[in-house]
Amino acid sequence: MVEISIARQGKGAFPVSLEEAEVGDEIIYHVGKYASGPHKDDALQAALNGKCFIFQRRLGQELFSYVAVKASAKHEKRMRSLMK
């Protein structure tokens, strides 16, 4: 597993990072009190399409890292079949 941080990169970095990541790699797309930033919508859409899992990791009092973990092709295919 590799940890990739794009929290300080601009919009458009999330899909590129997800494509280049290996299954199980973690992409940190935002650090803050709430989920926001330029990658929030891309991460949510990728999760809904089965390309990743998203979660938050507590870093401290009211501070979280928002993380996407690349899913396997098998999971992505299964999610697509459920969404039809």
PDB file of N, CA and C in Angstrom:
ATOM      1  N   MET A   1       0.836  -1.180   0.000  1.00  0.00           N
ATOM      2  CA  MET A   1       0.000   0.000   0.000  1.00  0.00           C
ATOM      3  C   MET A   1       0.883   1.247   0.000  1.00  0.00           C
ATOM      4  N   VAL A   2       0.513   2.185  -0.837  1.00  0.00           N
ATOM      5  CA  VAL A   2       1.214   3.456  -0.941  1.00  0.00           C
ATOM      6  C   VAL A   2       0.246   4.559  -0.542  1.00  0.00           C
ATOM      7  N   GLU A   3       0.756   5.585   0.141  1.00  0.00           N
ATOM      8  CA  GLU A   3      -0.052   6.738   0.501  1.00  0.00           C
ATOM      9  C   GLU A   3       0.323   7.892  -0.427  1.00  0.00           C
ATOM     10  N   ILE A   4      -0.685   8.415  -1.138  1.00  0.00           N
ATOM     11  CA  ILE A   4      -0.488   9.492  -2.107  1.00  0.00           C
ATOM     12  C   ILE A   4      -1.266  10.704  -1.609  1.00  0.00           C
ATOM     13  N   SER A   5      -0.607  11.834  -1.444  1.00  0.00           N
ATOM     14  CA  SER A   5      -1.300  13.034  -0.993  1.00  0.00           C
ATOM     15  C   SER A   5      -1.457  14.018  -2.146  1.00  0.00           C
ATOM     16  N   ILE A   6      -2.716  14.355  -2.428  1.00  0.00           N
ATOM     17  CA  ILE A   6      -3.004  15.362  -3.446  1.00  0.00           C
ATOM     18  C   ILE A   6      -3.762  16.533  -2.836  1.00  0.00           C
ATOM     19  N   ALA A   7      -3.778  16.611  -1.509  1.00  0.00           N
ATOM     20  CA  ALA A   7      -4.558  17.623  -0.799  1.00  0.00           C
ATOM     21  C   ALA A   7      -4.188  19.050  -1.200  1.00  0.00           C
ATOM     22  N   ARG A   8      -2.960  19.263  -1.622  1.00  0.00           N
ATOM     23  CA  ARG A   8      -2.523  20.620  -1.991  1.00  0.00           C
ATOM     24  C   ARG A   8      -2.459  20.818  -3.501  1.00  0.00           C
ATOM     25  N   GLN A   9      -2.927  19.836  -4.253  1.00  0.00           N
ATOM     26  CA  GLN A   9      -2.928  19.958  -5.713  1.00  0.00           C
ATOM     27  C   GLN A   9      -4.279  20.477  -6.193  1.00  0.00           C
ATOM     28  N   GLY A  10      -4.305  20.994  -7.398  1.00  0.00           N
ATOM     29  CA  GLY A  10      -5.514  21.577  -7.952  1.00  0.00           C
ATOM     30  C   GLY A  10      -6.482  20.545  -8.512  1.00  0.00           C
ATOM     31  N   LYS A  11      -7.646  21.040  -8.876  1.00  0.00           N
ATOM     32  CA  LYS A  11      -8.703  20.212  -9.447  1.00  0.00           C
ATOM     33  C   LYS A  11      -8.170  19.439 -10.645  1.00  0.00           C
ATOM     34  N   GLY A  12      -8.617  18.201 -10.761  1.00  0.00           N
ATOM     35  CA  GLY A  12      -8.202  17.341 -11.858  1.00  0.00           C
ATOM     36  C   GLY A  12      -7.130  16.336 -11.467  1.00  0.00           C
ATOM     37  N   ALA A  13      -6.520  16.525 -10.304  1.00  0.00           N
ATOM     38  CA  ALA A  13      -5.464  15.614  -9.855  1.00  0.00           C
ATOM     39  C   ALA A  13      -6.022  14.280  -9.357  1.00  0.00           C
ATOM     40  N   PHE A  14      -7.263  14.270  -8.865  1.00  0.00           N
ATOM     41  CA  PHE A  14      -7.809  13.037  -8.297  1.00  0.00           C
ATOM     42  C   PHE A  14      -7.957  11.930  -9.335  1.00  0.00           C
ATOM     43  N   PRO A  15      -8.621  12.171 -10.469  1.00  0.00           N
ATOM     44  CA  PRO A  15      -8.767  11.074 -11.446  1.00  0.00           C
ATOM     45  C   PRO A  15      -7.417  10.545 -11.948  1.00  0.00           C
ATOM     46  N   VAL A  16      -6.468  11.426 -12.135  1.00  0.00           N
ATOM     47  CA  VAL A  16      -5.134  11.014 -12.595  1.00  0.00           C
ATOM     48  C   VAL A  16      -4.469  10.131 -11.543  1.00  0.00           C
ATOM     49  N   SER A  17      -4.532  10.560 -10.288  1.00  0.00           N
ATOM     50  CA  SER A  17      -3.916   9.795  -9.199  1.00  0.00           C
ATOM     51  C   SER A  17      -4.590   8.448  -9.025  1.00  0.00           C
ATOM     52  N   LEU A  18      -5.906   8.413  -9.131  1.00  0.00           N
ATOM     53  CA  LEU A  18      -6.637   7.151  -8.985  1.00  0.00           C
ATOM     54  C   LEU A  18      -6.280   6.191 -10.116  1.00  0.00           C
ATOM     55  N   GLU A  19      -6.151   6.696 -11.310  1.00  0.00           N
ATOM     56  CA  GLU A  19      -5.787   5.860 -12.459  1.00  0.00           C
ATOM     57  C   GLU A  19      -4.390   5.266 -12.284  1.00  0.00           C
ATOM     58  N   GLU A  20      -3.462   6.050 -11.767  1.00  0.00           N
ATOM     59  CA  GLU A  20      -2.071   5.602 -11.606  1.00  0.00           C
ATOM     60  C   GLU A  20      -1.863   4.733 -10.363  1.00  0.00           C
ATOM     61  N   ALA A  21      -2.777   4.798  -9.404  1.00  0.00           N
ATOM     62  CA  ALA A  21      -2.643   4.045  -8.152  1.00  0.00           C
ATOM     63  C   ALA A  21      -2.856   2.548  -8.379  1.00  0.00           C
ATOM     64  N   GLU A  22      -2.280   1.761  -7.492  1.00  0.00           N
ATOM     65  CA  GLU A  22      -2.497   0.319  -7.463  1.00  0.00           C
ATOM     66  C   GLU A  22      -3.654   0.028  -6.506  1.00  0.00           C
ATOM     67  N   VAL A  23      -4.281  -1.129  -6.663  1.00  0.00           N
ATOM     68  CA  VAL A  23      -5.360  -1.523  -5.761  1.00  0.00           C
ATOM     69  C   VAL A  23      -4.847  -1.486  -4.322  1.00  0.00           C
ATOM     70  N   GLY A  24      -5.600  -0.833  -3.452  1.00  0.00           N
ATOM     71  CA  GLY A  24      -5.244  -0.722  -2.041  1.00  0.00           C
ATOM     72  C   GLY A  24      -4.470   0.536  -1.686  1.00  0.00           C
ATOM     73  N   ASP A  25      -3.966   1.250  -2.686  1.00  0.00           N
ATOM     74  CA  ASP A  25      -3.261   2.507  -2.410  1.00  0.00           C
ATOM     75  C   ASP A  25      -4.240   3.538  -1.857  1.00  0.00           C
ATOM     76  N   GLU A  26      -3.759   4.368  -0.953  1.00  0.00           N
ATOM     77  CA  GLU A  26      -4.578   5.415  -0.339  1.00  0.00           C
ATOM     78  C   GLU A  26      -4.248   6.766  -0.949  1.00  0.00           C
ATOM     79  N   ILE A  27      -5.275   7.494  -1.332  1.00  0.00           N
ATOM     80  CA  ILE A  27      -5.123   8.852  -1.850  1.00  0.00           C
ATOM     81  C   ILE A  27      -5.736   9.802  -0.830  1.00  0.00           C
ATOM     82  N   ILE A  28      -4.920  10.654  -0.241  1.00  0.00           N
ATOM     83  CA  ILE A  28      -5.410  11.664   0.687  1.00  0.00           C
ATOM     84  C   ILE A  28      -5.781  12.877  -0.160  1.00  0.00           C
ATOM     85  N   TYR A  29      -7.092  13.140  -0.244  1.00  0.00           N
ATOM     86  CA  TYR A  29      -7.552  14.209  -1.131  1.00  0.00           C
ATOM     87  C   TYR A  29      -7.937  15.499  -0.412  1.00  0.00           C
ATOM     88  N   HIS A  30      -8.018  15.462   0.922  1.00  0.00           N
ATOM     89  CA  HIS A  30      -8.302  16.692   1.675  1.00  0.00           C
ATOM     90  C   HIS A  30      -7.925  16.474   3.128  1.00  0.00           C
ATOM     91  N   VAL A  31      -7.469  17.537   3.779  1.00  0.00           N
ATOM     92  CA  VAL A  31      -7.228  17.535   5.224  1.00  0.00           C
ATOM     93  C   VAL A  31      -7.919  18.772   5.777  1.00  0.00           C
ATOM     94  N   GLY A  32      -8.781  18.555   6.761  1.00  0.00           N
ATOM     95  CA  GLY A  32      -9.502  19.669   7.346  1.00  0.00           C
ATOM     96  C   GLY A  32     -10.588  19.204   8.292  1.00  0.00           C
ATOM     97  N   LYS A  33     -11.409  20.150   8.724  1.00  0.00           N
ATOM     98  CA  LYS A  33     -12.492  19.866   9.665  1.00  0.00           C
ATOM     99  C   LYS A  33     -13.662  19.168   8.971  1.00  0.00           C
ATOM    100  N   TYR A  34     -13.922  19.557   7.724  1.00  0.00           N
ATOM    101  CA  TYR A  34     -15.031  19.001   6.946  1.00  0.00           C
ATOM    102  C   TYR A  34     -14.530  18.558   5.579  1.00  0.00           C
ATOM    103  N   ALA A  35     -15.249  17.637   4.958  1.00  0.00           N
ATOM    104  CA  ALA A  35     -14.912  17.217   3.595  1.00  0.00           C
ATOM    105  C   ALA A  35     -15.207  18.367   2.651  1.00  0.00           C
ATOM    106  N   SER A  36     -14.192  18.843   1.999  1.00  0.00           N
ATOM    107  CA  SER A  36     -14.353  19.924   1.028  1.00  0.00           C
ATOM    108  C   SER A  36     -13.138  19.903   0.119  1.00  0.00           C
ATOM    109  N   GLY A  37     -12.905  20.957  -0.588  1.00  0.00           N
ATOM    110  CA  GLY A  37     -11.736  21.048  -1.445  1.00  0.00           C
ATOM    111  C   GLY A  37     -12.032  20.657  -2.880  1.00  0.00           C
ATOM    112  N   PRO A  38     -11.044  20.814  -3.747  1.00  0.00           N
ATOM    113  CA  PRO A  38     -11.252  20.618  -5.178  1.00  0.00           C
ATOM    114  C   PRO A  38     -11.462  19.160  -5.601  1.00  0.00           C
ATOM    115  N   HIS A  39     -11.181  18.193  -4.711  1.00  0.00           N
ATOM    116  CA  HIS A  39     -11.272  16.780  -5.088  1.00  0.00           C
ATOM    117  C   HIS A  39     -12.494  16.073  -4.517  1.00  0.00           C
ATOM    118  N   LYS A  40     -13.266  16.777  -3.690  1.00  0.00           N
ATOM    119  CA  LYS A  40     -14.391  16.145  -3.000  1.00  0.00           C
ATOM    120  C   LYS A  40     -15.385  15.512  -3.978  1.00  0.00           C
ATOM    121  N   ASP A  41     -15.802  16.243  -4.993  1.00  0.00           N
ATOM    122  CA  ASP A  41     -16.792  15.723  -5.940  1.00  0.00           C
ATOM    123  C   ASP A  41     -16.237  14.561  -6.756  1.00  0.00           C
ATOM    124  N   ASP A  42     -14.978  14.665  -7.179  1.00  0.00           N
ATOM    125  CA  ASP A  42     -14.354  13.575  -7.944  1.00  0.00           C
ATOM    126  C   ASP A  42     -14.260  12.308  -7.097  1.00  0.00           C
ATOM    127  N   ALA A  43     -13.897  12.448  -5.820  1.00  0.00           N
ATOM    128  CA  ALA A  43     -13.782  11.290  -4.932  1.00  0.00           C
ATOM    129  C   ALA A  43     -15.144  10.641  -4.710  1.00  0.00           C
ATOM    130  N   LEU A  44     -16.169  11.443  -4.489  1.00  0.00           N
ATOM    131  CA  LEU A  44     -17.507  10.901  -4.279  1.00  0.00           C
ATOM    132  C   LEU A  44     -18.002  10.178  -5.525  1.00  0.00           C
ATOM    133  N   GLN A  45     -17.809  10.768  -6.693  1.00  0.00           N
ATOM    134  CA  GLN A  45     -18.257  10.137  -7.938  1.00  0.00           C
ATOM    135  C   GLN A  45     -17.514   8.824  -8.180  1.00  0.00           C
ATOM    136  N   ALA A  46     -16.213   8.817  -7.919  1.00  0.00           N
ATOM    137  CA  ALA A  46     -15.428   7.588  -8.094  1.00  0.00           C
ATOM    138  C   ALA A  46     -15.916   6.498  -7.139  1.00  0.00           C
ATOM    139  N   ALA A  47     -16.249   6.876  -5.909  1.00  0.00           N
ATOM    140  CA  ALA A  47     -16.760   5.896  -4.945  1.00  0.00           C
ATOM    141  C   ALA A  47     -18.109   5.348  -5.385  1.00  0.00           C
ATOM    142  N   LEU A  48     -18.980   6.215  -5.884  1.00  0.00           N
ATOM    143  CA  LEU A  48     -20.293   5.765  -6.359  1.00  0.00           C
ATOM    144  C   LEU A  48     -20.173   4.842  -7.570  1.00  0.00           C
ATOM    145  N   ASN A  49     -19.106   5.015  -8.338  1.00  0.00           N
ATOM    146  CA  ASN A  49     -18.859   4.156  -9.503  1.00  0.00           C
ATOM    147  C   ASN A  49     -18.065   2.904  -9.153  1.00  0.00           C
ATOM    148  N   GLY A  50     -17.725   2.730  -7.874  1.00  0.00           N
ATOM    149  CA  GLY A  50     -17.031   1.528  -7.440  1.00  0.00           C
ATOM    150  C   GLY A  50     -15.534   1.537  -7.658  1.00  0.00           C
ATOM    151  N   LYS A  51     -14.987   2.682  -8.027  1.00  0.00           N
ATOM    152  CA  LYS A  51     -13.547   2.761  -8.297  1.00  0.00           C
ATOM    153  C   LYS A  51     -12.713   2.872  -7.020  1.00  0.00           C
ATOM    154  N   CYS A  52     -13.336   3.311  -5.927  1.00  0.00           N
ATOM    155  CA  CYS A  52     -12.610   3.472  -4.659  1.00  0.00           C
ATOM    156  C   CYS A  52     -13.597   3.430  -3.504  1.00  0.00           C
ATOM    157  N   PHE A  53     -13.024   3.355  -2.306  1.00  0.00           N
ATOM    158  CA  PHE A  53     -13.762   3.487  -1.057  1.00  0.00           C
ATOM    159  C   PHE A  53     -13.297   4.794  -0.429  1.00  0.00           C
ATOM    160  N   ILE A  54     -14.195   5.555   0.155  1.00  0.00           N
ATOM    161  CA  ILE A  54     -13.781   6.796   0.802  1.00  0.00           C
ATOM    162  C   ILE A  54     -14.110   6.752   2.288  1.00  0.00           C
ATOM    163  N   PHE A  55     -13.233   7.355   3.069  1.00  0.00           N
ATOM    164  CA  PHE A  55     -13.449   7.434   4.512  1.00  0.00           C
ATOM    165  C   PHE A  55     -12.651   8.603   5.070  1.00  0.00           C
ATOM    166  N   GLN A  56     -12.900   8.913   6.331  1.00  0.00           N
ATOM    167  CA  GLN A  56     -12.135   9.960   7.005  1.00  0.00           C
ATOM    168  C   GLN A  56     -11.333   9.329   8.131  1.00  0.00           C
ATOM    169  N   ARG A  57     -10.141   9.858   8.353  1.00  0.00           N
ATOM    170  CA  ARG A  57      -9.256   9.391   9.417  1.00  0.00           C
ATOM    171  C   ARG A  57      -9.008  10.568  10.359  1.00  0.00           C
ATOM    172  N   ARG A  58      -9.312  10.360  11.636  1.00  0.00           N
ATOM    173  CA  ARG A  58      -9.127  11.430  12.621  1.00  0.00           C
ATOM    174  C   ARG A  58      -7.638  11.666  12.848  1.00  0.00           C
ATOM    175  N   LEU A  59      -7.249  12.935  12.734  1.00  0.00           N
ATOM    176  CA  LEU A  59      -5.869  13.328  12.971  1.00  0.00           C
ATOM    177  C   LEU A  59      -5.711  14.033  14.309  1.00  0.00           C
ATOM    178  N   GLY A  60      -6.786  14.613  14.790  1.00  0.00           N
ATOM    179  CA  GLY A  60      -6.751  15.360  16.046  1.00  0.00           C
ATOM    180  C   GLY A  60      -8.113  15.962  16.308  1.00  0.00           C
ATOM    181  N   GLN A  61      -8.159  16.884  17.266  1.00  0.00           N
ATOM    182  CA  GLN A  61      -9.414  17.558  17.601  1.00  0.00           C
ATOM    183  C   GLN A  61      -9.940  18.312  16.378  1.00  0.00           C
ATOM    184  N   GLU A  62     -11.064  17.885  15.856  1.00  0.00           N
ATOM    185  CA  GLU A  62     -11.723  18.522  14.706  1.00  0.00           C
ATOM    186  C   GLU A  62     -10.826  18.609  13.471  1.00  0.00           C
ATOM    187  N   LEU A  63      -9.946  17.628  13.290  1.00  0.00           N
ATOM    188  CA  LEU A  63      -9.081  17.592  12.113  1.00  0.00           C
ATOM    189  C   LEU A  63      -9.063  16.176  11.546  1.00  0.00           C
ATOM    190  N   PHE A  64      -9.365  16.062  10.259  1.00  0.00           N
ATOM    191  CA  PHE A  64      -9.463  14.764   9.600  1.00  0.00           C
ATOM    192  C   PHE A  64      -8.713  14.779   8.277  1.00  0.00           C
ATOM    193  N   SER A  65      -8.236  13.604   7.880  1.00  0.00           N
ATOM    194  CA  SER A  65      -7.767  13.447   6.504  1.00  0.00           C
ATOM    195  C   SER A  65      -8.869  12.659   5.787  1.00  0.00           C
ATOM    196  N   TYR A  66      -9.177  13.071   4.595  1.00  0.00           N
ATOM    197  CA  TYR A  66     -10.198  12.416   3.787  1.00  0.00           C
ATOM    198  C   TYR A  66      -9.475  11.568   2.751  1.00  0.00           C
ATOM    199  N   VAL A  67      -9.773  10.273   2.766  1.00  0.00           N
ATOM    200  CA  VAL A  67      -8.969   9.282   2.062  1.00  0.00           C
ATOM    201  C   VAL A  67      -9.834   8.461   1.105  1.00  0.00           C
ATOM    202  N   ALA A  68      -9.267   8.173  -0.062  1.00  0.00           N
ATOM    203  CA  ALA A  68      -9.870   7.249  -1.015  1.00  0.00           C
ATOM    204  C   ALA A  68      -8.903   6.088  -1.199  1.00  0.00           C
ATOM    205  N   VAL A  69      -9.409   4.860  -1.122  1.00  0.00           N
ATOM    206  CA  VAL A  69      -8.604   3.664  -1.339  1.00  0.00           C
ATOM    207  C   VAL A  69      -9.052   3.036  -2.650  1.00  0.00           C
ATOM    208  N   LYS A  70      -8.104   2.834  -3.557  1.00  0.00           N
ATOM    209  CA  LYS A  70      -8.443   2.272  -4.867  1.00  0.00           C
ATOM    210  C   LYS A  70      -8.988   0.861  -4.703  1.00  0.00           C
ATOM    211  N   ALA A  71     -10.131   0.615  -5.320  1.00  0.00           N
ATOM    212  CA  ALA A  71     -10.786  -0.688  -5.267  1.00  0.00           C
ATOM    213  C   ALA A  71     -10.319  -1.565  -6.427  1.00  0.00           C
ATOM    214  N   SER A  72     -10.594  -2.846  -6.308  1.00  0.00           N
ATOM    215  CA  SER A  72     -10.238  -3.790  -7.368  1.00  0.00           C
ATOM    216  C   SER A  72     -11.211  -3.667  -8.536  1.00  0.00           C
ATOM    217  N   ALA A  73     -10.802  -4.155  -9.678  1.00  0.00           N
ATOM    218  CA  ALA A  73     -11.669  -4.162 -10.862  1.00  0.00           C
ATOM    219  C   ALA A  73     -12.914  -5.014 -10.598  1.00  0.00           C
ATOM    220  N   LYS A  74     -12.763  -6.065  -9.824  1.00  0.00           N
ATOM    221  CA  LYS A  74     -13.894  -6.929  -9.471  1.00  0.00           C
ATOM    222  C   LYS A  74     -14.951  -6.137  -8.698  1.00  0.00           C
ATOM    223  N   HIS A  75     -14.500  -5.334  -7.740  1.00  0.00           N
ATOM    224  CA  HIS A  75     -15.434  -4.507  -6.967  1.00  0.00           C
ATOM    225  C   HIS A  75     -16.120  -3.480  -7.871  1.00  0.00           C
ATOM    226  N   GLU A  76     -15.337  -2.848  -8.733  1.00  0.00           N
ATOM    227  CA  GLU A  76     -15.902  -1.843  -9.644  1.00  0.00           C
ATOM    228  C   GLU A  76     -16.984  -2.463 -10.532  1.00  0.00           C
ATOM    229  N   LYS A  77     -16.708  -3.630 -11.068  1.00  0.00           N
ATOM    230  CA  LYS A  77     -17.679  -4.322 -11.927  1.00  0.00           C
ATOM    231  C   LYS A  77     -18.951  -4.664 -11.144  1.00  0.00           C
ATOM    232  N   ARG A  78     -18.764  -5.126  -9.913  1.00  0.00           N
ATOM    233  CA  ARG A  78     -19.915  -5.479  -9.074  1.00  0.00           C
ATOM    234  C   ARG A  78     -20.770  -4.253  -8.776  1.00  0.00           C
ATOM    235  N   MET A  79     -20.131  -3.132  -8.466  1.00  0.00           N
ATOM    236  CA  MET A  79     -20.867  -1.900  -8.178  1.00  0.00           C
ATOM    237  C   MET A  79     -21.628  -1.423  -9.413  1.00  0.00           C
ATOM    238  N   ARG A  80     -21.020  -1.519 -10.567  1.00  0.00           N
ATOM    239  CA  ARG A  80     -21.712  -1.113 -11.801  1.00  0.00           C
ATOM    240  C   ARG A  80     -22.962  -1.943 -12.019  1.00  0.00           C
ATOM    241  N   SER A  81     -22.882  -3.247 -11.755  1.00  0.00           N
ATOM    242  CA  SER A  81     -24.052  -4.104 -11.960  1.00  0.00           C
ATOM    243  C   SER A  81     -25.165  -3.759 -10.982  1.00  0.00           C
ATOM    244  N   LEU A  82     -24.811  -3.312  -9.778  1.00  0.00           N
ATOM    245  CA  LEU A  82     -25.817  -2.915  -8.794  1.00  0.00           C
ATOM    246  C   LEU A  82     -26.494  -1.609  -9.151  1.00  0.00           C
ATOM    247  N   MET A  83     -25.786  -0.738  -9.860  1.00  0.00           N
ATOM    248  CA  MET A  83     -26.300   0.591 -10.192  1.00  0.00           C
ATOM    249  C   MET A  83     -27.203   0.582 -11.423  1.00  0.00           C
ATOM    250  N   LYS A  84     -27.273  -0.537 -12.124  1.00  0.00           N
ATOM    251  CA  LYS A  84     -28.116  -0.596 -13.344  1.00  0.00           C
ATOM    252  C   LYS A  84     -29.575  -0.703 -13.002  1.00  0.00           C
TER     253      LYS A  84
END
